Amino acid sequence: MAYLAELIESINNIVWGPALLILMLTVGVLLTVRLRGLQVRHLLYAHKLAFVRDDGKTQGDISHFQALMTALAATIGIGSITGVATAIAIGGLGSLFWMWVAGFFGMATKYAEAILAIKYREVDANKQMCGGPMYYLEKGLGLKWLGVLFAILASIAAFGTGNMVQSNSVAIAVKEIFHISPYITGVILVLISAVPLLGGIQSIGKVVEVLVPLMALFYFVISLAVVVINYAAIPKAFALILSSAFTGQAATGGFVGSTVILAIQLGISRGVFSSEAGLGSSPIAAAAAKTDSPGRQALVSMSSVFITTGIVCTLTGLAIATSGVLGTFDESGKVLDGSRLTLAAFDSVFHYGGLMVTFAIIPFAYSTILGWAYYGEKCVEYLFGIKAITPYRIIYLLFIFIGAVLELRVVWSFSNTMNGLMAFPNLVGILFLTSIVVKETKIFEAMLKKERTMNIVNNS
């Protein structure tokens, strides 16, 4: 088992190596230039669409808001809390700067993914929307085999990152706090997941549109409180984030120091992992949205990157940076990293700070299970048809229990590898369909201009 873990970890390092990171940045930069900085020009309108506009009478299964919450359900989670801490612990605070870079260009990528997902979506035999990379790779690029490859990789990845890793994290947290057996936690997770999963995207949308805002708001408040209480350290923290992004970070305390290359690699990879921009998973949810234009839902999807990387990951990083826990040790003399580093940052301010974060992790993980279940079933439907959906959901529920009771080091590395592999065909598709994205954007912006002109005339 140890040899297998090392082998998968080695493959994972290759997959998430320079080639994939360069490809992701290249696609993001190209789209930013071709779309004339759309992620800046339409950022405020994108959030207005997500939280205000209702396209209830248009074609689709769920609202803009539910589509956004479904995507956020799969992205805001353990990666936004422990993933950021791991990057900072290894790559230094400069990693946070490169997360911002990945997030900025990732917004353009996320927009392109969603606009293609809406344009090439189909209605299945159940009269539900189906879309995502597998469809625009087949219909837009004309490479069905690439769409099949993506669907296979994504459906497998759903069992790992979206399922077993999440249930395992919840089981461990519940065991440490309440001393409840992982077997009991596993059964409970299966039961509370069964109703929304078996009910399909409408049921998932109804759950996450309530759960995600509440959990995000709770974590936002407590993490912001840590930063505000440590306000005196904010200027120094920002100075260190910016300087170490280009010079590396020197060793202090238990921190062994980092290089610029390490900060870039970890910052970009964790930034991508937290927002899923470029992975190809979230456009599957975007394809189900009720919208009168591909561009409108694409802007809503784009806003999710700002929320995950720009807000949640930033607050986690600043909480660690301002609390001074980076490079400190635990009771056994080990340097704090990962979730332990995040918990220490909150414990430095609140008496039960670590407990508060743990309570935040549980709904984060649960919502991720729901979000990735939908991604996986749509990939299976693409491969085998609608008859495969129910068996997939049942198997998915079974793996929730398995994840809760197993040691998942191998599964975690394997899931990361699958995520990286599924990004390759998706990014290739976006790269060669950029002209389609630009064309659809011009049509959309012309429609927006006309709408605004009419509003001015009507209000005058």
Protein backbone atom coordinates (compact mmCIF):
# COMPACT_ATOMS: atom_id res chain seq x y z
CA MET A 1 0.00 0.00 0.00
CA ALA A 2 2.87 2.37 0.82
CA TYR A 3 4.43 1.70 -2.60
CA LEU A 4 1.09 2.35 -4.31
CA ALA A 5 0.68 5.62 -2.43
CA GLU A 6 4.15 6.76 -3.45
CA LEU A 7 3.53 5.77 -7.08
CA ILE A 8 0.23 7.67 -7.28
CA GLU A 9 1.82 10.67 -5.57
CA SER A 10 4.61 10.68 -8.15
CA ILE A 11 2.06 10.56 -10.99
CA ASN A 12 0.10 13.34 -9.32
CA ASN A 13 3.19 15.56 -9.18
CA ILE A 14 3.77 14.98 -12.89
CA VAL A 15 0.15 15.73 -13.83
CA TRP A 16 0.10 18.92 -11.75
CA GLY A 17 3.52 19.91 -13.05
CA PRO A 18 4.58 22.93 -15.13
CA ALA A 19 2.83 21.76 -18.33
CA LEU A 20 -0.69 21.88 -16.85
CA LEU A 21 -0.09 25.10 -14.92
CA ILE A 22 1.34 26.84 -17.99
CA LEU A 23 -1.60 25.63 -20.10
CA MET A 24 -4.08 26.96 -17.54
CA LEU A 25 -2.40 30.36 -17.36
CA THR A 26 -2.05 30.55 -21.15
CA VAL A 27 -5.77 29.90 -21.66
CA GLY A 28 -6.69 32.42 -18.95
CA VAL A 29 -4.41 35.15 -20.31
CA LEU A 30 -5.55 34.56 -23.91
CA LEU A 31 -9.22 34.80 -22.93
CA THR A 32 -8.61 37.91 -20.83
CA VAL A 33 -7.01 39.64 -23.82
CA ARG A 34 -9.56 38.43 -26.40
CA LEU A 35 -12.49 39.37 -24.12
CA ARG A 36 -10.95 42.76 -23.25
CA GLY A 37 -10.79 42.20 -19.51
CA LEU A 38 -14.40 41.08 -19.25
CA GLN A 39 -13.89 39.85 -15.69
CA VAL A 40 -13.26 43.46 -14.62
CA ARG A 41 -15.76 45.23 -16.87
CA HIS A 42 -18.74 43.07 -15.90
CA LEU A 43 -17.87 41.97 -12.35
CA LEU A 44 -20.56 44.00 -10.58
CA TYR A 45 -23.22 43.04 -13.13
CA ALA A 46 -22.24 39.38 -12.76
CA HIS A 47 -23.01 39.45 -9.04
CA LYS A 48 -26.24 41.34 -9.67
CA LEU A 49 -27.33 38.60 -12.06
CA ALA A 50 -26.57 35.88 -9.53
CA PHE A 51 -28.36 37.41 -6.58
CA VAL A 52 -31.13 39.53 -8.14
CA ARG A 53 -32.17 38.43 -11.63
CA ASP A 54 -34.74 35.64 -12.07
CA ASP A 55 -35.05 33.96 -15.50
CA GLY A 56 -37.74 31.59 -14.30
CA LYS A 57 -39.63 31.48 -17.62
CA THR A 58 -36.60 30.64 -19.75
CA GLN A 59 -35.28 27.21 -20.70
CA GLY A 60 -33.40 25.36 -17.95
CA ASP A 61 -33.75 23.33 -14.75
CA ILE A 62 -32.53 25.68 -11.99
CA SER A 63 -32.14 29.43 -11.43
CA HIS A 64 -28.96 31.49 -11.90
CA PHE A 65 -28.59 31.55 -8.12
CA GLN A 66 -29.07 27.79 -7.72
CA ALA A 67 -26.55 27.12 -10.49
CA LEU A 68 -24.05 29.37 -8.76
CA MET A 69 -24.70 27.75 -5.38
CA THR A 70 -24.33 24.26 -6.90
CA ALA A 71 -20.96 25.25 -8.34
CA LEU A 72 -19.92 26.88 -5.06
CA ALA A 73 -21.10 23.80 -3.17
CA ALA A 74 -18.44 21.82 -5.01
CA THR A 75 -15.70 24.45 -4.71
CA ILE A 76 -16.02 26.24 -1.37
CA GLY A 77 -14.88 23.62 1.04
CA ILE A 78 -11.91 21.88 2.52
CA GLY A 79 -9.64 23.16 -0.25
CA SER A 80 -10.51 26.75 0.61
CA ILE A 81 -9.59 26.17 4.25
CA THR A 82 -6.92 23.48 4.45
CA GLY A 83 -5.69 23.79 0.86
CA VAL A 84 -4.71 27.42 1.32
CA ALA A 85 -2.97 26.62 4.59
CA THR A 86 -0.99 23.78 2.98
CA ALA A 87 0.16 26.06 0.15
CA ILE A 88 1.28 28.75 2.59
CA ALA A 89 2.99 26.25 4.91
CA ILE A 90 5.11 24.89 2.04
CA GLY A 91 5.34 27.74 -0.46
CA GLY A 92 5.24 30.70 1.92
CA LEU A 93 2.86 33.64 1.99
CA GLY A 94 3.84 34.48 -1.59
CA SER A 95 1.64 31.56 -2.63
CA LEU A 96 -1.40 33.68 -1.77
CA PHE A 97 -0.40 36.28 -4.37
CA TRP A 98 -0.17 33.61 -7.08
CA MET A 99 -3.59 32.32 -6.00
CA TRP A 100 -4.90 35.79 -6.80
CA VAL A 101 -3.19 35.69 -10.19
CA ALA A 102 -4.72 32.28 -10.92
CA GLY A 103 -8.10 33.55 -9.76
CA PHE A 104 -8.00 36.69 -11.90
CA PHE A 105 -7.27 34.85 -15.15
CA GLY A 106 -9.38 31.91 -13.99
CA MET A 107 -12.45 34.16 -14.04
CA ALA A 108 -12.09 34.49 -17.81
CA THR A 109 -11.66 30.72 -18.13
CA LYS A 110 -14.73 30.07 -15.98
CA TYR A 111 -16.73 32.46 -18.14
CA ALA A 112 -15.66 30.65 -21.31
CA GLU A 113 -16.48 27.22 -19.86
CA ALA A 114 -20.00 28.30 -18.96
CA ILE A 115 -20.76 30.09 -22.22
CA LEU A 116 -19.77 26.96 -24.15
CA ALA A 117 -21.73 24.73 -21.77
CA ILE A 118 -24.93 26.74 -22.39
CA LYS A 119 -24.40 27.03 -26.14
CA TYR A 120 -23.91 23.30 -26.70
CA ARG A 121 -26.25 21.90 -24.03
CA GLU A 122 -28.95 19.37 -24.86
CA VAL A 123 -32.26 18.21 -23.36
CA ASP A 124 -32.29 14.55 -22.36
CA ALA A 125 -35.13 12.02 -22.29
CA ASN A 126 -36.10 13.23 -18.80
CA LYS A 127 -36.44 16.75 -20.23
CA GLN A 128 -33.47 17.93 -18.17
CA MET A 129 -30.50 19.95 -19.39
CA CYS A 130 -27.20 18.23 -20.12
CA GLY A 131 -24.04 20.16 -20.85
CA GLY A 132 -20.40 20.60 -20.03
CA PRO A 133 -17.00 19.87 -21.59
CA MET A 134 -18.08 16.49 -23.01
CA TYR A 135 -20.74 18.22 -25.10
CA TYR A 136 -18.70 21.17 -26.38
CA LEU A 137 -15.76 18.88 -27.08
CA GLU A 138 -18.03 16.69 -29.22
CA LYS A 139 -20.37 19.26 -30.81
CA GLY A 140 -18.14 22.31 -30.87
CA LEU A 141 -14.71 20.83 -31.48
CA GLY A 142 -15.92 17.72 -33.29
CA LEU A 143 -13.83 15.38 -31.12
CA LYS A 144 -16.23 12.98 -29.43
CA TRP A 145 -13.40 10.75 -28.18
CA LEU A 146 -12.06 13.72 -26.20
CA GLY A 147 -15.50 14.29 -24.71
CA VAL A 148 -15.69 10.61 -23.75
CA LEU A 149 -12.25 10.84 -22.14
CA PHE A 150 -13.28 13.84 -20.08
CA ALA A 151 -16.52 12.15 -18.96
CA ILE A 152 -14.65 9.02 -17.84
CA LEU A 153 -12.07 10.99 -15.86
CA ALA A 154 -14.65 13.31 -14.27
CA SER A 155 -17.02 10.49 -13.25
CA ILE A 156 -14.11 8.72 -11.53
CA ALA A 157 -12.83 11.90 -9.88
CA ALA A 158 -16.29 12.47 -8.37
CA PHE A 159 -15.90 9.38 -6.18
CA GLY A 160 -12.63 10.68 -4.77
CA THR A 161 -12.42 14.44 -4.22
CA GLY A 162 -16.17 14.99 -4.31
CA ASN A 163 -17.17 12.01 -2.22
CA MET A 164 -14.84 9.87 -0.10
CA VAL A 165 -12.38 12.62 0.84
CA GLN A 166 -15.27 14.77 2.02
CA SER A 167 -17.06 12.08 4.05
CA ASN A 168 -13.74 11.07 5.61
CA SER A 169 -13.07 14.67 6.67
CA VAL A 170 -16.49 14.91 8.30
CA ALA A 171 -16.09 11.53 10.05
CA ILE A 172 -12.72 12.54 11.51
CA ALA A 173 -14.04 15.92 12.71
CA VAL A 174 -17.13 14.37 14.32
CA LYS A 175 -15.05 11.66 15.99
CA GLU A 176 -12.65 14.22 17.50
CA ILE A 177 -15.40 16.53 18.74
CA PHE A 178 -18.22 14.17 19.73
CA HIS A 179 -16.36 10.80 19.90
CA ILE A 180 -18.85 9.27 17.46
CA SER A 181 -17.76 6.25 15.42
CA PRO A 182 -17.03 6.93 11.72
CA TYR A 183 -19.40 4.04 10.92
CA ILE A 184 -22.30 5.93 12.48
CA THR A 185 -21.26 9.17 10.78
CA GLY A 186 -21.06 7.34 7.47
CA VAL A 187 -24.60 5.99 7.79
CA ILE A 188 -25.97 9.42 8.74
CA LEU A 189 -24.21 11.06 5.78
CA VAL A 190 -25.67 8.49 3.39
CA LEU A 191 -29.19 9.06 4.75
CA ILE A 192 -29.09 12.86 4.62
CA SER A 193 -27.52 12.76 1.14
CA ALA A 194 -29.98 10.25 -0.32
CA VAL A 195 -33.02 12.54 -0.65
CA PRO A 196 -31.34 15.43 -2.52
CA LEU A 197 -29.19 13.10 -4.65
CA LEU A 198 -32.01 10.80 -5.70
CA GLY A 199 -34.18 13.84 -6.39
CA GLY A 200 -31.78 15.17 -9.02
CA ILE A 201 -30.55 18.69 -9.75
CA GLN A 202 -33.76 20.42 -8.62
CA SER A 203 -33.49 18.84 -5.17
CA ILE A 204 -29.76 19.53 -4.98
CA GLY A 205 -30.37 23.14 -6.03
CA LYS A 206 -32.97 23.64 -3.28
CA VAL A 207 -30.59 22.30 -0.61
CA VAL A 208 -27.47 24.19 -1.66
CA GLU A 209 -29.24 27.52 -2.23
CA VAL A 210 -29.91 27.52 1.54
CA LEU A 211 -26.86 25.69 2.87
CA VAL A 212 -24.08 27.34 0.85
CA PRO A 213 -24.91 30.99 1.66
CA LEU A 214 -25.28 30.18 5.37
CA MET A 215 -22.00 28.28 5.65
CA ALA A 216 -20.13 30.80 3.52
CA LEU A 217 -21.46 33.70 5.60
CA PHE A 218 -20.53 31.95 8.85
CA TYR A 219 -16.96 31.30 7.70
CA PHE A 220 -16.71 34.81 6.24
CA VAL A 221 -17.70 36.39 9.55
CA ILE A 222 -15.36 34.38 11.79
CA SER A 223 -12.37 34.64 9.43
CA LEU A 224 -12.93 38.36 8.92
CA ALA A 225 -13.08 38.75 12.70
CA VAL A 226 -9.64 37.13 13.03
CA VAL A 227 -8.19 39.54 10.47
CA VAL A 228 -9.88 42.62 11.97
CA ILE A 229 -8.77 41.75 15.51
CA ASN A 230 -5.22 41.42 14.19
CA TYR A 231 -5.57 44.62 12.14
CA ALA A 232 -2.19 45.95 13.24
CA ALA A 233 -0.47 43.09 11.41
CA ILE A 234 -2.34 43.62 8.10
CA PRO A 235 0.18 46.02 6.46
CA LYS A 236 3.10 43.75 7.32
CA ALA A 237 1.18 40.72 6.07
CA PHE A 238 0.46 42.31 2.68
CA ALA A 239 4.06 43.46 2.38
CA LEU A 240 5.30 39.94 3.05
CA ILE A 241 2.77 38.40 0.63
CA LEU A 242 3.91 40.69 -2.19
CA SER A 243 7.63 40.52 -1.50
CA SER A 244 7.82 36.74 -1.02
CA ALA A 245 5.82 36.21 -4.22
CA PHE A 246 8.87 37.39 -6.19
CA THR A 247 11.78 36.67 -3.82
CA GLY A 248 10.69 33.62 -1.83
CA GLN A 249 10.29 33.56 1.92
CA ALA A 250 13.16 33.17 4.36
CA ALA A 251 13.06 30.63 7.17
CA THR A 252 11.52 31.80 10.45
CA GLY A 253 10.72 29.63 13.45
CA GLY A 254 9.68 26.23 12.20
CA PHE A 255 9.13 27.52 8.66
CA VAL A 256 11.88 26.13 6.42
CA GLY A 257 11.68 28.85 3.78
CA SER A 258 10.48 28.70 0.17
CA THR A 259 11.56 29.61 -3.35
CA VAL A 260 9.72 31.75 -5.89
CA ILE A 261 9.12 28.69 -8.09
CA LEU A 262 7.54 26.80 -5.19
CA ALA A 263 5.32 29.76 -4.33
CA ILE A 264 4.17 30.05 -7.96
CA GLN A 265 3.52 26.32 -8.37
CA LEU A 266 1.58 25.91 -5.14
CA GLY A 267 -0.25 29.22 -5.45
CA ILE A 268 -1.53 28.57 -8.97
CA SER A 269 -2.39 24.91 -8.39
CA ARG A 270 -4.26 25.62 -5.13
CA GLY A 271 -5.96 28.62 -6.69
CA VAL A 272 -7.20 26.48 -9.56
CA PHE A 273 -8.20 23.69 -7.18
CA SER A 274 -10.26 26.04 -4.99
CA SER A 275 -12.12 27.70 -7.88
CA GLU A 276 -12.14 24.74 -10.33
CA ALA A 277 -11.58 27.24 -13.16
CA GLY A 278 -10.31 25.14 -16.05
CA LEU A 279 -11.10 21.73 -14.56
CA GLY A 280 -14.37 21.50 -16.48
CA SER A 281 -16.57 20.44 -13.58
CA SER A 282 -18.59 23.58 -12.80
CA PRO A 283 -19.86 24.20 -16.38
CA ILE A 284 -21.89 20.99 -15.93
CA ALA A 285 -23.95 22.86 -13.32
CA ALA A 286 -24.00 26.05 -15.41
CA ALA A 287 -25.58 24.12 -18.28
CA ALA A 288 -28.66 23.44 -16.13
CA ALA A 289 -29.36 27.13 -15.44
CA LYS A 290 -32.47 28.95 -16.64
CA THR A 291 -31.10 31.74 -18.81
CA ASP A 292 -32.06 33.67 -21.94
CA SER A 293 -28.44 34.01 -23.04
CA PRO A 294 -25.25 31.94 -22.67
CA GLY A 295 -23.39 35.11 -21.69
CA ARG A 296 -25.65 35.88 -18.76
CA GLN A 297 -25.10 32.56 -16.99
CA ALA A 298 -21.41 32.69 -17.94
CA LEU A 299 -21.05 35.90 -15.95
CA VAL A 300 -22.77 34.27 -12.98
CA SER A 301 -20.35 31.33 -13.17
CA MET A 302 -17.44 33.75 -13.41
CA SER A 303 -18.46 35.38 -10.14
CA SER A 304 -17.91 32.08 -8.30
CA VAL A 305 -14.15 32.42 -8.81
CA PHE A 306 -14.21 35.85 -7.19
CA ILE A 307 -16.12 34.43 -4.23
CA THR A 308 -13.94 31.35 -3.69
CA THR A 309 -10.46 32.68 -4.44
CA GLY A 310 -10.96 36.42 -4.03
CA ILE A 311 -12.86 36.22 -0.74
CA VAL A 312 -12.78 32.82 1.00
CA CYS A 313 -9.17 31.85 0.18
CA THR A 314 -7.96 35.41 0.81
CA LEU A 315 -9.54 35.54 4.26
CA THR A 316 -8.05 32.14 5.16
CA GLY A 317 -4.60 33.31 4.04
CA LEU A 318 -4.85 36.65 5.84
CA ALA A 319 -6.08 34.95 9.03
CA ILE A 320 -2.92 32.83 9.01
CA ALA A 321 -0.67 35.72 8.00
CA THR A 322 -1.93 38.19 10.62
CA SER A 323 -2.12 35.71 13.50
CA GLY A 324 1.59 34.88 13.38
CA VAL A 325 1.12 31.11 13.54
CA LEU A 326 3.12 30.31 10.38
CA GLY A 327 6.23 28.40 11.41
CA THR A 328 4.97 27.48 14.89
CA PHE A 329 4.95 23.99 16.41
CA ASP A 330 2.31 21.74 17.98
CA GLU A 331 2.62 19.93 21.33
CA SER A 332 4.61 17.09 19.77
CA GLY A 333 7.15 19.45 18.20
CA LYS A 334 5.86 19.17 14.63
CA VAL A 335 5.51 22.26 12.45
CA LEU A 336 1.87 23.22 11.94
CA ASP A 337 0.53 22.83 8.42
CA GLY A 338 -2.75 22.14 6.60
CA SER A 339 -5.89 22.21 8.71
CA ARG A 340 -3.87 22.38 11.93
CA LEU A 341 -2.38 25.69 10.78
CA THR A 342 -5.81 27.13 10.01
CA LEU A 343 -7.20 25.93 13.34
CA ALA A 344 -4.25 27.49 15.18
CA ALA A 345 -4.91 30.85 13.49
CA PHE A 346 -8.50 30.88 14.71
CA ASP A 347 -7.58 29.52 18.15
CA SER A 348 -5.18 32.46 18.56
CA VAL A 349 -8.16 34.82 18.59
CA PHE A 350 -11.15 32.80 19.77
CA HIS A 351 -11.17 30.43 22.72
CA TYR A 352 -13.09 27.91 20.63
CA GLY A 353 -11.81 29.09 17.26
CA GLY A 354 -10.72 25.65 16.12
CA LEU A 355 -14.12 24.24 17.03
CA MET A 356 -15.84 26.96 15.02
CA VAL A 357 -13.77 26.13 11.94
CA THR A 358 -14.52 22.45 12.40
CA PHE A 359 -18.26 23.20 12.43
CA ALA A 360 -17.76 25.13 9.19
CA ILE A 361 -15.92 22.22 7.56
CA ILE A 362 -18.84 19.79 8.04
CA PRO A 363 -21.41 21.63 5.87
CA PHE A 364 -18.63 22.55 3.42
CA ALA A 365 -17.85 18.88 2.93
CA TYR A 366 -21.52 17.86 2.75
CA SER A 367 -22.30 20.42 0.06
CA THR A 368 -19.28 19.27 -1.94
CA ILE A 369 -20.67 15.72 -1.88
CA LEU A 370 -23.93 16.99 -3.39
CA GLY A 371 -22.30 19.19 -6.02
CA TRP A 372 -19.91 16.54 -7.31
CA ALA A 373 -22.66 13.90 -7.38
CA TYR A 374 -24.42 15.93 -10.05
CA TYR A 375 -21.20 16.35 -12.03
CA GLY A 376 -20.54 12.63 -11.92
CA GLU A 377 -24.04 11.53 -12.91
CA LYS A 378 -24.12 13.87 -15.92
CA CYS A 379 -20.83 12.41 -17.12
CA VAL A 380 -22.20 8.89 -16.71
CA GLU A 381 -25.39 9.89 -18.54
CA TYR A 382 -23.26 11.15 -21.43
CA LEU A 383 -21.42 7.83 -21.56
CA PHE A 384 -24.27 5.36 -20.99
CA GLY A 385 -27.59 7.22 -21.18
CA ILE A 386 -30.22 8.15 -18.57
CA LYS A 387 -30.67 4.53 -17.43
CA ALA A 388 -27.25 4.72 -15.82
CA ILE A 389 -28.14 7.67 -13.56
CA THR A 390 -29.98 5.81 -10.79
CA PRO A 391 -27.36 3.02 -10.44
CA TYR A 392 -24.65 5.69 -10.35
CA ARG A 393 -26.45 7.58 -7.58
CA ILE A 394 -26.80 4.42 -5.49
CA ILE A 395 -23.13 3.52 -5.93
CA TYR A 396 -22.19 7.11 -5.12
CA LEU A 397 -24.16 6.91 -1.86
CA LEU A 398 -22.39 3.65 -0.98
CA PHE A 399 -19.00 5.29 -1.44
CA ILE A 400 -19.96 8.04 1.01
CA PHE A 401 -20.02 5.38 3.72
CA ILE A 402 -16.82 3.73 2.46
CA GLY A 403 -15.03 7.08 2.53
CA ALA A 404 -16.10 7.73 6.11
CA VAL A 405 -14.44 4.57 7.44
CA LEU A 406 -11.29 4.32 5.29
CA GLU A 407 -7.82 5.87 5.37
CA LEU A 408 -7.75 7.97 2.23
CA ARG A 409 -4.17 9.00 1.50
CA VAL A 410 -4.17 6.99 -1.73
CA VAL A 411 -7.66 8.15 -2.70
CA TRP A 412 -6.74 11.82 -2.16
CA SER A 413 -3.69 11.61 -4.43
CA PHE A 414 -5.64 9.59 -7.00
CA SER A 415 -8.47 12.15 -6.99
CA ASN A 416 -6.06 15.03 -7.49
CA THR A 417 -4.56 13.17 -10.43
CA MET A 418 -7.99 12.61 -11.99
CA ASN A 419 -8.81 16.30 -11.55
CA GLY A 420 -5.62 17.29 -13.32
CA LEU A 421 -6.15 14.81 -16.14
CA MET A 422 -9.73 15.95 -16.78
CA ALA A 423 -8.46 19.54 -17.06
CA PHE A 424 -6.31 18.75 -20.12
CA PRO A 425 -9.13 17.91 -22.59
CA ASN A 426 -11.25 20.74 -21.19
CA LEU A 427 -8.52 23.35 -21.64
CA VAL A 428 -7.77 22.09 -25.15
CA GLY A 429 -11.44 22.51 -26.00
CA ILE A 430 -11.59 26.06 -24.63
CA LEU A 431 -8.36 26.99 -26.41
CA PHE A 432 -9.62 25.93 -29.83
CA LEU A 433 -13.13 27.28 -29.24
CA THR A 434 -11.98 30.72 -28.12
CA SER A 435 -13.33 32.32 -31.31
CA ILE A 436 -16.79 30.92 -30.49
CA VAL A 437 -16.56 32.40 -26.98
CA VAL A 438 -15.60 35.80 -28.41
CA LYS A 439 -18.44 35.67 -30.97
CA GLU A 440 -21.05 34.75 -28.34
CA THR A 441 -19.73 37.51 -26.07
CA LYS A 442 -20.09 40.14 -28.78
CA ILE A 443 -23.71 39.05 -29.35
CA PHE A 444 -24.37 39.14 -25.61
CA GLU A 445 -22.79 42.56 -25.08
CA ALA A 446 -24.76 43.98 -28.01
CA MET A 447 -27.92 42.67 -26.34
CA LEU A 448 -26.87 44.25 -23.03
CA LYS A 449 -26.25 47.59 -24.73
CA LYS A 450 -29.68 47.48 -26.32
CA GLU A 451 -31.34 46.58 -23.00
CA ARG A 452 -29.64 49.46 -21.20
CA THR A 453 -30.58 51.90 -23.95
CA MET A 454 -34.22 50.83 -23.71
CA ASN A 455 -34.16 51.19 -19.91
CA ILE A 456 -32.83 54.73 -20.23
CA VAL A 457 -35.55 55.61 -22.74
CA ASN A 458 -38.29 54.05 -20.59
CA ASN A 459 -37.11 55.84 -17.44
CA SER A 460 -36.76 59.24 -19.11
